[in-house]
Amino acid sequence: MASQGTKSIFGRFVLAIVIAIIFTPNFTSAKKFKVDGLKMNVIDKCWRSNPEWRKHHSQLATCSIGYAGKMTNNIGTGLIHYKVTDASDDPINPKPGTLRYGASVIQGKIWITFQRGMLIKLVRPLLISNFTTIDGRGTDVHIAHNACLMIFKSTNIIIHGLRIHHCKPQAPGMVMGPNGKVTWRKGNHENRDKWEFHSVRDVFENGASFMATKDKHVTKPNYTKEQVFKVADAKCVRSLTRASGALRCSKTSIC
């Protein structure tokens, strides 16, 4: 009788083990599935398959897919490699080594990487130039807790491997724009579709633009029809400029 009871208990114990094995999650399989899921990212699979990718950052451009296709215009002849070593930010006079200097000041194709992980608190939005790549792979780079990135009338831009979060709206102000030009952004984040950019080096800072274009988004000169005059002979210069002179400015009136 005891023998039968022992066998019964043993049988139930074995059955319990079998059930436990069937319903226990397979941690090895779960881990493998997670890794396989990462490999299913076509872009990551492309560049990660090269163990020397750190020496060939620009390979990322040939791994791109989607609407933009291969971003091969961002690499090739004339490509400049730039490394960010300084996390500070000066929106008007960027220092060499900062992200803004590489993204806004340097002309031509540029591939930006980072010397180390860093937190970059941008004072003003970072206006990115054409043919710019910001590559954060291999480091832990955060752009956070203030202004963030802005792409305005620029093309061929790659941004990869950055952590961009906690962006804050910014009041209008001067900033180094694409191609190294200091601009003044008018408007706030709520009416960003109507933002206007003006060069602070123009004589007519508040609206003048000397670009002949049909683009409705480009700022137009701020003169009225009554102020327009036909091309005149050089002899008329004196009469046309007879009212010119130094501006009289005060705290209560606009110059």
Protein backbone atom coordinates (compact mmCIF):
# COMPACT_ATOMS: atom_id res chain seq x y z
CA MET A 1 0.00 0.00 0.00
CA ALA A 2 2.79 2.35 0.87
CA SER A 3 4.54 1.38 -2.34
CA GLN A 4 1.52 2.32 -4.42
CA GLY A 5 1.23 5.65 -2.58
CA THR A 6 4.88 6.37 -3.21
CA LYS A 7 4.50 5.60 -6.90
CA SER A 8 1.43 7.84 -7.07
CA ILE A 9 3.28 10.72 -5.43
CA PHE A 10 6.29 10.17 -7.67
CA GLY A 11 4.08 10.12 -10.77
CA ARG A 12 2.44 13.39 -9.80
CA PHE A 13 5.85 14.92 -9.09
CA VAL A 14 7.13 13.94 -12.55
CA LEU A 15 3.94 15.30 -14.16
CA ALA A 16 4.40 18.59 -12.28
CA ILE A 17 7.97 18.88 -13.57
CA VAL A 18 6.83 18.24 -17.15
CA ILE A 19 4.13 20.91 -16.87
CA ALA A 20 6.63 23.35 -15.33
CA ILE A 21 9.08 22.77 -18.18
CA ILE A 22 6.37 23.31 -20.79
CA PHE A 23 5.09 26.57 -19.32
CA THR A 24 8.35 28.05 -18.06
CA PRO A 25 9.56 30.88 -20.37
CA ASN A 26 12.61 29.95 -22.39
CA PHE A 27 14.99 32.76 -21.40
CA THR A 28 17.58 31.66 -23.93
CA SER A 29 15.04 31.80 -26.73
CA ALA A 30 13.74 35.16 -25.52
CA LYS A 31 17.22 36.61 -25.51
CA LYS A 32 17.90 35.19 -28.96
CA PHE A 33 14.62 36.65 -30.23
CA LYS A 34 15.60 40.07 -28.89
CA VAL A 35 18.94 39.95 -30.66
CA ASP A 36 17.30 38.73 -33.86
CA GLY A 37 14.84 41.61 -33.59
CA LEU A 38 17.72 44.05 -33.47
CA LYS A 39 19.28 42.45 -36.54
CA MET A 40 16.02 42.93 -38.42
CA ASN A 41 16.74 46.67 -38.53
CA VAL A 42 18.13 46.83 -42.06
CA ILE A 43 20.26 49.92 -41.50
CA ASP A 44 21.82 48.62 -38.27
CA LYS A 45 22.40 45.22 -39.83
CA CYS A 46 24.23 46.92 -42.69
CA TRP A 47 26.78 48.91 -40.71
CA ARG A 48 27.08 46.57 -37.70
CA SER A 49 28.12 43.73 -39.98
CA ASN A 50 31.44 45.54 -40.44
CA PRO A 51 33.54 45.02 -37.27
CA GLU A 52 35.68 47.99 -38.33
CA TRP A 53 32.75 50.39 -38.59
CA ARG A 54 34.42 52.88 -36.23
CA LYS A 55 37.08 53.38 -38.89
CA HIS A 56 34.48 53.68 -41.62
CA HIS A 57 31.74 55.91 -40.22
CA SER A 58 30.74 57.15 -43.66
CA GLN A 59 29.55 53.66 -44.61
CA LEU A 60 26.32 54.64 -42.85
CA ALA A 61 25.38 56.79 -45.86
CA THR A 62 25.34 53.72 -48.12
CA CYS A 63 23.20 51.80 -45.60
CA SER A 64 20.32 54.26 -45.72
CA ILE A 65 16.97 53.18 -47.14
CA GLY A 66 13.54 54.68 -47.57
CA TYR A 67 12.25 57.78 -49.32
CA ALA A 68 15.66 59.49 -49.40
CA GLY A 69 17.38 56.41 -50.80
CA LYS A 70 21.13 56.10 -50.48
CA MET A 71 22.62 59.27 -48.98
CA THR A 72 25.77 59.00 -51.08
CA ASN A 73 25.78 62.75 -51.74
CA ASN A 74 26.95 63.15 -48.13
CA ILE A 75 30.22 61.28 -48.74
CA GLY A 76 32.93 61.14 -51.34
CA THR A 77 35.26 63.83 -52.60
CA GLY A 78 35.63 66.82 -50.29
CA LEU A 79 34.17 65.15 -47.20
CA ILE A 80 35.37 66.80 -43.97
CA HIS A 81 35.60 64.73 -40.78
CA TYR A 82 34.92 66.79 -37.65
CA LYS A 83 34.95 65.64 -34.03
CA VAL A 84 32.99 67.39 -31.27
CA THR A 85 35.17 67.81 -28.17
CA ASP A 86 33.36 70.65 -26.38
CA ALA A 87 29.79 70.43 -25.04
CA SER A 88 29.37 74.21 -24.67
CA ASP A 89 27.35 76.35 -27.08
CA ASP A 90 27.64 79.92 -28.33
CA PRO A 91 24.84 80.67 -30.80
CA ILE A 92 26.54 83.68 -32.41
CA ASN A 93 30.28 82.94 -32.23
CA PRO A 94 30.62 79.14 -32.05
CA LYS A 95 33.97 77.83 -30.84
CA PRO A 96 35.90 75.21 -32.82
CA GLY A 97 35.22 71.83 -31.26
CA THR A 98 31.55 72.54 -30.53
CA LEU A 99 28.63 70.94 -32.34
CA ARG A 100 27.34 74.28 -33.63
CA TYR A 101 30.70 75.11 -35.19
CA GLY A 102 30.66 71.89 -37.20
CA ALA A 103 26.98 71.98 -38.14
CA SER A 104 26.66 75.68 -39.00
CA VAL A 105 30.07 77.20 -39.73
CA ILE A 106 32.02 74.67 -41.78
CA GLN A 107 31.11 74.70 -45.46
CA GLY A 108 30.64 71.65 -47.67
CA LYS A 109 30.19 67.98 -46.84
CA ILE A 110 30.88 67.29 -43.18
CA TRP A 111 30.70 64.15 -41.05
CA ILE A 112 30.41 65.00 -37.35
CA THR A 113 31.31 62.49 -34.62
CA PHE A 114 31.87 62.88 -30.88
CA GLN A 115 35.01 62.37 -28.81
CA ARG A 116 33.02 61.09 -25.82
CA GLY A 117 29.55 60.96 -24.34
CA MET A 118 28.20 64.40 -23.41
CA LEU A 119 25.12 66.44 -22.60
CA ILE A 120 24.72 69.42 -24.92
CA LYS A 121 22.33 72.18 -23.81
CA LEU A 122 21.89 74.36 -26.86
CA VAL A 123 21.32 78.04 -26.08
CA ARG A 124 19.46 78.56 -29.35
CA PRO A 125 18.12 76.12 -31.96
CA LEU A 126 20.89 74.54 -34.02
CA LEU A 127 20.37 75.39 -37.70
CA ILE A 128 21.97 72.62 -39.74
CA SER A 129 23.69 73.22 -43.09
CA ASN A 130 23.35 71.17 -46.28
CA PHE A 131 25.26 67.87 -46.56
CA THR A 132 25.73 67.56 -42.80
CA THR A 133 25.88 64.24 -40.95
CA ILE A 134 25.70 64.13 -37.14
CA ASP A 135 26.76 60.64 -36.09
CA GLY A 136 26.46 59.73 -32.40
CA ARG A 137 27.26 56.02 -32.70
CA GLY A 138 29.68 54.65 -30.13
CA THR A 139 28.98 57.45 -27.61
CA ASP A 140 26.13 58.51 -25.35
CA VAL A 141 25.27 62.00 -26.60
CA HIS A 142 22.21 63.88 -25.33
CA ILE A 143 20.85 67.11 -26.77
CA ALA A 144 18.35 68.07 -24.13
CA HIS A 145 16.79 70.47 -21.62
CA ASN A 146 16.78 73.55 -23.85
CA ALA A 147 16.82 74.31 -27.58
CA CYS A 148 17.11 71.46 -30.07
CA LEU A 149 17.80 70.95 -33.78
CA MET A 150 16.24 72.83 -36.69
CA ILE A 151 16.37 72.11 -40.41
CA PHE A 152 15.35 75.11 -42.50
CA LYS A 153 15.79 75.10 -46.28
CA SER A 154 18.60 72.54 -46.02
CA THR A 155 18.94 69.15 -47.71
CA ASN A 156 21.01 65.96 -47.50
CA ILE A 157 21.14 65.70 -43.71
CA ILE A 158 21.78 62.55 -41.65
CA ILE A 159 21.17 62.50 -37.88
CA HIS A 160 21.88 59.13 -36.28
CA GLY A 161 22.53 57.80 -32.79
CA LEU A 162 21.66 60.94 -30.80
CA ARG A 163 19.33 61.15 -27.80
CA ILE A 164 17.22 64.28 -28.32
CA HIS A 165 14.69 65.00 -25.58
CA HIS A 166 13.12 67.60 -23.27
CA CYS A 167 13.27 70.30 -25.95
CA LYS A 168 12.00 73.72 -24.92
CA PRO A 169 10.51 76.48 -27.11
CA GLN A 170 12.80 79.46 -27.58
CA ALA A 171 12.13 83.17 -27.86
CA PRO A 172 13.27 84.91 -31.06
CA GLY A 173 16.93 85.82 -31.11
CA MET A 174 20.18 85.89 -33.05
CA VAL A 175 21.81 82.60 -34.01
CA MET A 176 24.51 81.33 -36.36
CA GLY A 177 22.56 79.90 -39.26
CA PRO A 178 23.50 77.49 -42.02
CA ASN A 179 26.67 78.32 -43.95
CA GLY A 180 28.00 80.55 -41.19
CA LYS A 181 25.54 83.45 -41.52
CA VAL A 182 24.22 85.14 -38.40
CA THR A 183 20.45 85.42 -38.64
CA TRP A 184 17.59 86.78 -36.63
CA ARG A 185 14.55 84.54 -36.31
CA LYS A 186 11.29 86.43 -35.93
CA GLY A 187 8.20 84.71 -34.51
CA ASN A 188 7.57 82.12 -31.82
CA HIS A 189 7.09 78.36 -31.80
CA GLU A 190 3.32 78.68 -32.11
CA ASN A 191 3.46 80.29 -35.57
CA ARG A 192 6.55 78.51 -36.86
CA ASP A 193 4.98 78.15 -40.32
CA LYS A 194 5.39 81.92 -40.70
CA TRP A 195 8.94 82.24 -39.37
CA GLU A 196 11.12 84.72 -41.19
CA PHE A 197 14.91 84.76 -41.21
CA HIS A 198 16.85 87.98 -41.70
CA SER A 199 20.55 88.60 -42.01
CA VAL A 200 21.66 91.00 -39.27
CA ARG A 201 24.42 92.25 -41.57
CA ASP A 202 21.97 93.65 -44.09
CA VAL A 203 21.41 97.40 -44.10
CA PHE A 204 17.68 96.84 -43.77
CA GLU A 205 17.69 94.40 -40.89
CA ASN A 206 13.93 94.24 -40.42
CA GLY A 207 12.84 92.80 -43.74
CA ALA A 208 15.32 93.44 -46.54
CA SER A 209 16.36 90.60 -48.80
CA PHE A 210 18.30 90.93 -52.03
CA MET A 211 17.69 87.45 -53.43
CA ALA A 212 15.74 87.37 -56.68
CA THR A 213 13.39 84.44 -56.17
CA LYS A 214 9.80 83.37 -56.65
CA ASP A 215 9.78 81.38 -53.45
CA LYS A 216 6.96 82.76 -51.32
CA HIS A 217 8.80 81.79 -48.13
CA VAL A 218 11.74 84.10 -48.85
CA THR A 219 11.57 87.47 -47.12
CA LYS A 220 10.83 90.40 -49.43
CA PRO A 221 12.32 93.90 -49.24
CA ASN A 222 10.35 96.16 -46.94
CA TYR A 223 9.75 99.11 -49.25
CA THR A 224 6.36 100.25 -50.56
CA LYS A 225 5.29 100.85 -54.14
CA GLU A 226 5.60 104.57 -53.54
CA GLN A 227 9.26 104.11 -52.66
CA VAL A 228 10.10 102.28 -55.87
CA PHE A 229 11.89 104.32 -58.54
CA LYS A 230 13.14 103.45 -61.99
CA VAL A 231 16.81 103.07 -62.79
CA ALA A 232 18.21 106.58 -63.06
CA ASP A 233 21.32 108.12 -64.54
CA ALA A 234 24.41 108.32 -62.33
CA LYS A 235 24.04 112.09 -62.35
CA CYS A 236 20.96 111.68 -60.16
CA VAL A 237 22.91 110.13 -57.26
CA ARG A 238 23.34 113.46 -55.47
CA SER A 239 19.66 114.33 -55.62
CA LEU A 240 18.60 110.83 -54.62
CA THR A 241 20.86 110.83 -51.56
CA ARG A 242 20.48 114.43 -50.47
CA ALA A 243 18.42 113.38 -47.43
CA SER A 244 20.89 110.74 -46.28
CA GLY A 245 22.94 111.13 -43.11
CA ALA A 246 23.52 109.77 -39.63
CA LEU A 247 20.54 108.19 -37.88
CA ARG A 248 19.19 109.99 -34.84
CA CYS A 249 18.28 107.34 -32.29
CA SER A 250 16.83 107.56 -28.81
CA LYS A 251 15.41 105.20 -26.20
CA THR A 252 11.87 106.18 -27.14
CA SER A 253 12.09 105.95 -30.94
CA ILE A 254 13.22 103.35 -33.46
CA CYS A 255 16.26 104.27 -35.56
